[in-house]
Amino acid sequence: RYYGDKKIKIDFLAGDASSRRYYRIKKESKTYVLMDASSEKDKLIQFISIGNLFRGEGVKTPEVIYVDADEGLCLLSDFGDKLLFDIFSEEKENNYYRY
């Protein structure tokens, strides 16, 4: 769906096993992922902390662009539509998680 002056497009994304909801936000040539964790606000900071720990060990995780912990919202960088399964099956030696 487009919102307002049609410069921003928001699409629902399939989620994970949690109750979080995800949306892709497209503005001009950039895309972001909005994570709605309003039903589990208490876990949002933990989610971000674990992502930071993984990133510190060289694992690719989405960059946190903005957080509203009171509302349970987090704006993340977008890795795109390609599934890890597809990447793993295309590569003989997988270095996907390395910087």
C-alpha atoms as a PDB file:
ATOM      1  CA  ARG A   1       0.000   0.000   0.000  1.00  0.00           C
ATOM      2  CA  TYR A   2       1.071   3.536  -0.653  1.00  0.00           C
ATOM      3  CA  TYR A   3       0.674   6.231   1.975  1.00  0.00           C
ATOM      4  CA  GLY A   4       0.258   9.966   1.708  1.00  0.00           C
ATOM      5  CA  ASP A   5       1.811  11.387  -1.399  1.00  0.00           C
ATOM      6  CA  LYS A   6       2.873   7.945  -2.677  1.00  0.00           C
ATOM      7  CA  LYS A   7       6.545   8.577  -1.906  1.00  0.00           C
ATOM      8  CA  ILE A   8       6.490   5.866   0.773  1.00  0.00           C
ATOM      9  CA  LYS A   9       5.313   2.306   0.168  1.00  0.00           C
ATOM     10  CA  ILE A  10       4.746  -0.118   3.052  1.00  0.00           C
ATOM     11  CA  ASP A  11       4.391  -3.874   2.524  1.00  0.00           C
ATOM     12  CA  PHE A  12       3.773  -6.587   5.099  1.00  0.00           C
ATOM     13  CA  LEU A  13       6.554  -9.203   5.342  1.00  0.00           C
ATOM     14  CA  ALA A  14       6.266 -12.782   6.505  1.00  0.00           C
ATOM     15  CA  GLY A  15       7.356 -13.004  10.122  1.00  0.00           C
ATOM     16  CA  ASP A  16       9.271 -15.411  12.259  1.00  0.00           C
ATOM     17  CA  ALA A  17       8.112 -17.705  15.052  1.00  0.00           C
ATOM     18  CA  SER A  18       7.554 -14.779  17.436  1.00  0.00           C
ATOM     19  CA  SER A  19       4.586 -12.446  17.671  1.00  0.00           C
ATOM     20  CA  ARG A  20       6.615  -9.635  16.073  1.00  0.00           C
ATOM     21  CA  ARG A  21       5.362  -8.204  12.784  1.00  0.00           C
ATOM     22  CA  TYR A  22       7.562  -6.920   9.987  1.00  0.00           C
ATOM     23  CA  TYR A  23       6.968  -4.369   7.242  1.00  0.00           C
ATOM     24  CA  ARG A  24       9.171  -3.283   4.336  1.00  0.00           C
ATOM     25  CA  ILE A  25       9.221   0.472   3.893  1.00  0.00           C
ATOM     26  CA  LYS A  26      10.265   1.749   0.474  1.00  0.00           C
ATOM     27  CA  LYS A  27      11.132   5.390   0.033  1.00  0.00           C
ATOM     28  CA  GLU A  28      12.615   6.366  -3.288  1.00  0.00           C
ATOM     29  CA  SER A  29      15.473   3.889  -3.871  1.00  0.00           C
ATOM     30  CA  LYS A  30      15.965   2.920  -0.208  1.00  0.00           C
ATOM     31  CA  THR A  31      14.277   0.140   1.720  1.00  0.00           C
ATOM     32  CA  TYR A  32      14.027  -0.484   5.444  1.00  0.00           C
ATOM     33  CA  VAL A  33      12.337  -3.034   7.681  1.00  0.00           C
ATOM     34  CA  LEU A  34      10.038  -1.880  10.446  1.00  0.00           C
ATOM     35  CA  MET A  35       9.764  -4.419  13.241  1.00  0.00           C
ATOM     36  CA  ASP A  36       6.631  -4.077  15.333  1.00  0.00           C
ATOM     37  CA  ALA A  37       7.335  -5.741  18.670  1.00  0.00           C
ATOM     38  CA  SER A  38       4.601  -3.878  20.518  1.00  0.00           C
ATOM     39  CA  SER A  39       3.214  -7.150  21.884  1.00  0.00           C
ATOM     40  CA  GLU A  40       6.582  -8.012  23.436  1.00  0.00           C
ATOM     41  CA  LYS A  41       8.127  -4.632  24.246  1.00  0.00           C
ATOM     42  CA  ASP A  42      10.071  -6.126  27.142  1.00  0.00           C
ATOM     43  CA  LYS A  43      12.055  -8.260  24.666  1.00  0.00           C
ATOM     44  CA  LEU A  44      12.918  -5.485  22.197  1.00  0.00           C
ATOM     45  CA  ILE A  45      16.065  -4.294  23.957  1.00  0.00           C
ATOM     46  CA  GLN A  46      17.142  -7.924  24.393  1.00  0.00           C
ATOM     47  CA  PHE A  47      16.651  -8.495  20.629  1.00  0.00           C
ATOM     48  CA  ILE A  48      18.844  -5.472  19.847  1.00  0.00           C
ATOM     49  CA  SER A  49      21.499  -6.502  22.398  1.00  0.00           C
ATOM     50  CA  ILE A  50      21.766 -10.011  20.961  1.00  0.00           C
ATOM     51  CA  GLY A  51      22.084  -8.566  17.449  1.00  0.00           C
ATOM     52  CA  ASN A  52      24.904  -6.319  18.672  1.00  0.00           C
ATOM     53  CA  LEU A  53      26.673  -9.308  20.266  1.00  0.00           C
ATOM     54  CA  PHE A  54      26.470 -11.261  17.005  1.00  0.00           C
ATOM     55  CA  ARG A  55      27.712  -8.259  15.010  1.00  0.00           C
ATOM     56  CA  GLY A  56      30.626  -7.914  17.418  1.00  0.00           C
ATOM     57  CA  GLU A  57      31.617 -11.477  16.533  1.00  0.00           C
ATOM     58  CA  GLY A  58      31.451 -10.771  12.793  1.00  0.00           C
ATOM     59  CA  VAL A  59      27.951 -12.105  12.082  1.00  0.00           C
ATOM     60  CA  LYS A  60      25.869  -9.991   9.698  1.00  0.00           C
ATOM     61  CA  THR A  61      22.799  -8.633  11.456  1.00  0.00           C
ATOM     62  CA  PRO A  62      20.491  -5.785  10.452  1.00  0.00           C
ATOM     63  CA  GLU A  63      21.666  -2.329  11.448  1.00  0.00           C
ATOM     64  CA  VAL A  64      19.381  -0.662  13.967  1.00  0.00           C
ATOM     65  CA  ILE A  65      18.480   2.729  12.529  1.00  0.00           C
ATOM     66  CA  TYR A  66      15.881   3.868  15.058  1.00  0.00           C
ATOM     67  CA  VAL A  67      14.221   2.448  18.185  1.00  0.00           C
ATOM     68  CA  ASP A  68      11.089   3.540  20.014  1.00  0.00           C
ATOM     69  CA  ALA A  69      11.164   1.151  22.968  1.00  0.00           C
ATOM     70  CA  ASP A  70       8.027   2.669  24.518  1.00  0.00           C
ATOM     71  CA  GLU A  71       6.015   1.778  21.405  1.00  0.00           C
ATOM     72  CA  GLY A  72       7.922  -1.442  20.659  1.00  0.00           C
ATOM     73  CA  LEU A  73       9.101  -0.299  17.235  1.00  0.00           C
ATOM     74  CA  CYS A  74      12.474  -0.734  15.601  1.00  0.00           C
ATOM     75  CA  LEU A  75      13.584   0.454  12.152  1.00  0.00           C
ATOM     76  CA  LEU A  76      16.216  -1.851  10.646  1.00  0.00           C
ATOM     77  CA  SER A  77      18.342  -2.010   7.531  1.00  0.00           C
ATOM     78  CA  ASP A  78      16.903  -4.287   4.858  1.00  0.00           C
ATOM     79  CA  PHE A  79      18.771  -7.371   3.655  1.00  0.00           C
ATOM     80  CA  GLY A  80      16.355  -7.767   0.741  1.00  0.00           C
ATOM     81  CA  ASP A  81      14.156 -10.617  -0.449  1.00  0.00           C
ATOM     82  CA  LYS A  82      16.729 -13.325  -1.080  1.00  0.00           C
ATOM     83  CA  LEU A  83      16.446 -16.234   1.355  1.00  0.00           C
ATOM     84  CA  LEU A  84      19.519 -17.661   3.098  1.00  0.00           C
ATOM     85  CA  PHE A  85      18.513 -21.102   1.822  1.00  0.00           C
ATOM     86  CA  ASP A  86      18.937 -19.832  -1.747  1.00  0.00           C
ATOM     87  CA  ILE A  87      22.319 -18.289  -0.948  1.00  0.00           C
ATOM     88  CA  PHE A  88      23.573 -21.450   0.757  1.00  0.00           C
ATOM     89  CA  SER A  89      22.490 -23.659  -2.129  1.00  0.00           C
ATOM     90  CA  GLU A  90      24.227 -21.390  -4.680  1.00  0.00           C
ATOM     91  CA  GLU A  91      27.620 -21.299  -2.959  1.00  0.00           C
ATOM     92  CA  LYS A  92      30.040 -24.166  -2.615  1.00  0.00           C
ATOM     93  CA  GLU A  93      31.919 -22.506   0.234  1.00  0.00           C
ATOM     94  CA  ASN A  94      29.663 -20.280   2.237  1.00  0.00           C
ATOM     95  CA  ASN A  95      31.080 -17.083   3.686  1.00  0.00           C
ATOM     96  CA  TYR A  96      27.766 -15.273   3.965  1.00  0.00           C
ATOM     97  CA  TYR A  97      28.057 -14.488   7.660  1.00  0.00           C
ATOM     98  CA  ARG A  98      31.569 -13.057   7.401  1.00  0.00           C
ATOM     99  CA  TYR A  99      32.319  -9.385   6.872  1.00  0.00           C
END
